[in-house]
Amino acid sequence: MRTRIVKIGNSQGVRIPKALLDESGLRGEVEIRARRGSLIISAAMPARSGWDEAFRQMAERGDDRLLDADAPSAESFDAEDWEWK
């Protein structure tokens, strides 16, 4: 299907026919990205989508430990290494 890029205020846009929107199932917020002469419109994913699964997999692999667990903490420095005068 062909259409034209049209002026919309200070921007430009493309009118998307209802039949294409119905077929795609797109609703509400979408993401648009450019790729080699194309614009790709896809459903916007909710913020932090997939984090639960990623954390579960990290725990299974043992990758969920603190990387600086052995580093001295500010609290231990405050309690042990100096005193108020």
C-alpha atoms as a PDB file:
ATOM      1  CA  MET A   1       0.000   0.000   0.000  1.00  0.00           C
ATOM      2  CA  ARG A   2       1.377   3.429  -0.937  1.00  0.00           C
ATOM      3  CA  THR A   3       0.790   6.664   0.889  1.00  0.00           C
ATOM      4  CA  ARG A   4       2.430  10.084   1.163  1.00  0.00           C
ATOM      5  CA  ILE A   5       4.374  11.818   3.870  1.00  0.00           C
ATOM      6  CA  VAL A   6       2.282  14.871   4.805  1.00  0.00           C
ATOM      7  CA  LYS A   7       2.962  18.056   6.745  1.00  0.00           C
ATOM      8  CA  ILE A   8       1.442  18.078  10.240  1.00  0.00           C
ATOM      9  CA  GLY A   9       2.246  21.401  11.913  1.00  0.00           C
ATOM     10  CA  ASN A  10       6.040  21.674  12.161  1.00  0.00           C
ATOM     11  CA  SER A  11       6.395  17.915  11.707  1.00  0.00           C
ATOM     12  CA  GLN A  12       5.600  15.389   9.022  1.00  0.00           C
ATOM     13  CA  GLY A  13       3.612  12.217   9.270  1.00  0.00           C
ATOM     14  CA  VAL A  14       2.037   9.279   7.531  1.00  0.00           C
ATOM     15  CA  ARG A  15      -1.642   8.430   7.733  1.00  0.00           C
ATOM     16  CA  ILE A  16      -2.044   4.770   8.547  1.00  0.00           C
ATOM     17  CA  PRO A  17      -5.223   3.199   7.152  1.00  0.00           C
ATOM     18  CA  LYS A  18      -7.539   1.614   9.728  1.00  0.00           C
ATOM     19  CA  ALA A  19      -7.317  -1.755   7.979  1.00  0.00           C
ATOM     20  CA  LEU A  20      -3.533  -1.862   8.522  1.00  0.00           C
ATOM     21  CA  LEU A  21      -3.868  -0.858  12.178  1.00  0.00           C
ATOM     22  CA  ASP A  22      -6.516  -3.534  12.705  1.00  0.00           C
ATOM     23  CA  GLU A  23      -4.344  -6.146  11.030  1.00  0.00           C
ATOM     24  CA  SER A  24      -1.259  -5.191  13.053  1.00  0.00           C
ATOM     25  CA  GLY A  25      -3.079  -4.996  16.377  1.00  0.00           C
ATOM     26  CA  LEU A  26      -1.190  -1.818  17.284  1.00  0.00           C
ATOM     27  CA  ARG A  27      -2.914   0.389  19.832  1.00  0.00           C
ATOM     28  CA  GLY A  28      -1.900   3.289  22.036  1.00  0.00           C
ATOM     29  CA  GLU A  29       1.800   3.964  22.441  1.00  0.00           C
ATOM     30  CA  VAL A  30       4.239   2.688  19.801  1.00  0.00           C
ATOM     31  CA  GLU A  31       7.988   2.800  19.207  1.00  0.00           C
ATOM     32  CA  ILE A  32       9.415   4.075  15.925  1.00  0.00           C
ATOM     33  CA  ARG A  33      12.974   3.419  14.767  1.00  0.00           C
ATOM     34  CA  ALA A  34      14.798   4.025  11.533  1.00  0.00           C
ATOM     35  CA  ARG A  35      16.686   1.295   9.716  1.00  0.00           C
ATOM     36  CA  ARG A  36      18.299   1.699   6.261  1.00  0.00           C
ATOM     37  CA  GLY A  37      15.623   3.656   4.444  1.00  0.00           C
ATOM     38  CA  SER A  38      12.762   2.274   6.521  1.00  0.00           C
ATOM     39  CA  LEU A  39      10.727   3.271   9.531  1.00  0.00           C
ATOM     40  CA  ILE A  40       9.733   0.402  11.799  1.00  0.00           C
ATOM     41  CA  ILE A  41       6.696   0.902  14.029  1.00  0.00           C
ATOM     42  CA  SER A  42       6.169  -1.614  16.833  1.00  0.00           C
ATOM     43  CA  ALA A  43       4.175  -1.884  20.033  1.00  0.00           C
ATOM     44  CA  ALA A  44       5.827  -0.077  22.932  1.00  0.00           C
ATOM     45  CA  MET A  45       6.930  -2.456  25.663  1.00  0.00           C
ATOM     46  CA  PRO A  46       6.123  -1.492  29.238  1.00  0.00           C
ATOM     47  CA  ALA A  47       9.040  -0.129  31.261  1.00  0.00           C
ATOM     48  CA  ARG A  48      11.131  -2.914  32.814  1.00  0.00           C
ATOM     49  CA  SER A  49       9.368  -5.525  30.723  1.00  0.00           C
ATOM     50  CA  GLY A  50      11.118  -8.896  31.058  1.00  0.00           C
ATOM     51  CA  TRP A  51      13.107  -7.954  34.172  1.00  0.00           C
ATOM     52  CA  ASP A  52      11.439 -10.651  36.312  1.00  0.00           C
ATOM     53  CA  GLU A  53      12.529 -13.381  33.910  1.00  0.00           C
ATOM     54  CA  ALA A  54      16.037 -11.935  33.588  1.00  0.00           C
ATOM     55  CA  PHE A  55      16.434 -11.846  37.386  1.00  0.00           C
ATOM     56  CA  ARG A  56      15.174 -15.420  37.678  1.00  0.00           C
ATOM     57  CA  GLN A  57      17.749 -16.600  35.119  1.00  0.00           C
ATOM     58  CA  MET A  58      20.509 -14.655  36.883  1.00  0.00           C
ATOM     59  CA  ALA A  59      19.635 -16.362  40.177  1.00  0.00           C
ATOM     60  CA  GLU A  60      19.719 -19.793  38.509  1.00  0.00           C
ATOM     61  CA  ARG A  61      23.223 -19.055  37.156  1.00  0.00           C
ATOM     62  CA  GLY A  62      24.416 -17.521  40.425  1.00  0.00           C
ATOM     63  CA  ASP A  63      24.936 -14.164  38.713  1.00  0.00           C
ATOM     64  CA  ASP A  64      22.843 -12.256  41.247  1.00  0.00           C
ATOM     65  CA  ARG A  65      25.561 -11.666  43.863  1.00  0.00           C
ATOM     66  CA  LEU A  66      27.022  -8.260  44.596  1.00  0.00           C
ATOM     67  CA  LEU A  67      30.180  -7.597  42.590  1.00  0.00           C
ATOM     68  CA  ASP A  68      31.700  -5.452  45.319  1.00  0.00           C
ATOM     69  CA  ALA A  69      30.624  -7.541  48.311  1.00  0.00           C
ATOM     70  CA  ASP A  70      34.233  -7.752  49.575  1.00  0.00           C
ATOM     71  CA  ALA A  71      34.875  -4.016  49.299  1.00  0.00           C
ATOM     72  CA  PRO A  72      34.913  -2.072  52.551  1.00  0.00           C
ATOM     73  CA  SER A  73      31.644  -0.295  53.156  1.00  0.00           C
ATOM     74  CA  ALA A  74      31.272   3.298  54.255  1.00  0.00           C
ATOM     75  CA  GLU A  75      29.600   2.030  57.423  1.00  0.00           C
ATOM     76  CA  SER A  76      32.579  -0.124  58.442  1.00  0.00           C
ATOM     77  CA  PHE A  77      34.946   2.791  57.829  1.00  0.00           C
ATOM     78  CA  ASP A  78      32.784   5.057  59.972  1.00  0.00           C
ATOM     79  CA  ALA A  79      32.572   2.510  62.787  1.00  0.00           C
ATOM     80  CA  GLU A  80      36.154   1.203  62.865  1.00  0.00           C
ATOM     81  CA  ASP A  81      38.728   3.411  61.145  1.00  0.00           C
ATOM     82  CA  TRP A  82      38.334   6.842  62.721  1.00  0.00           C
ATOM     83  CA  GLU A  83      36.685   8.714  65.528  1.00  0.00           C
ATOM     84  CA  TRP A  84      35.309  12.203  66.111  1.00  0.00           C
ATOM     85  CA  LYS A  85      37.545  14.661  67.958  1.00  0.00           C
END
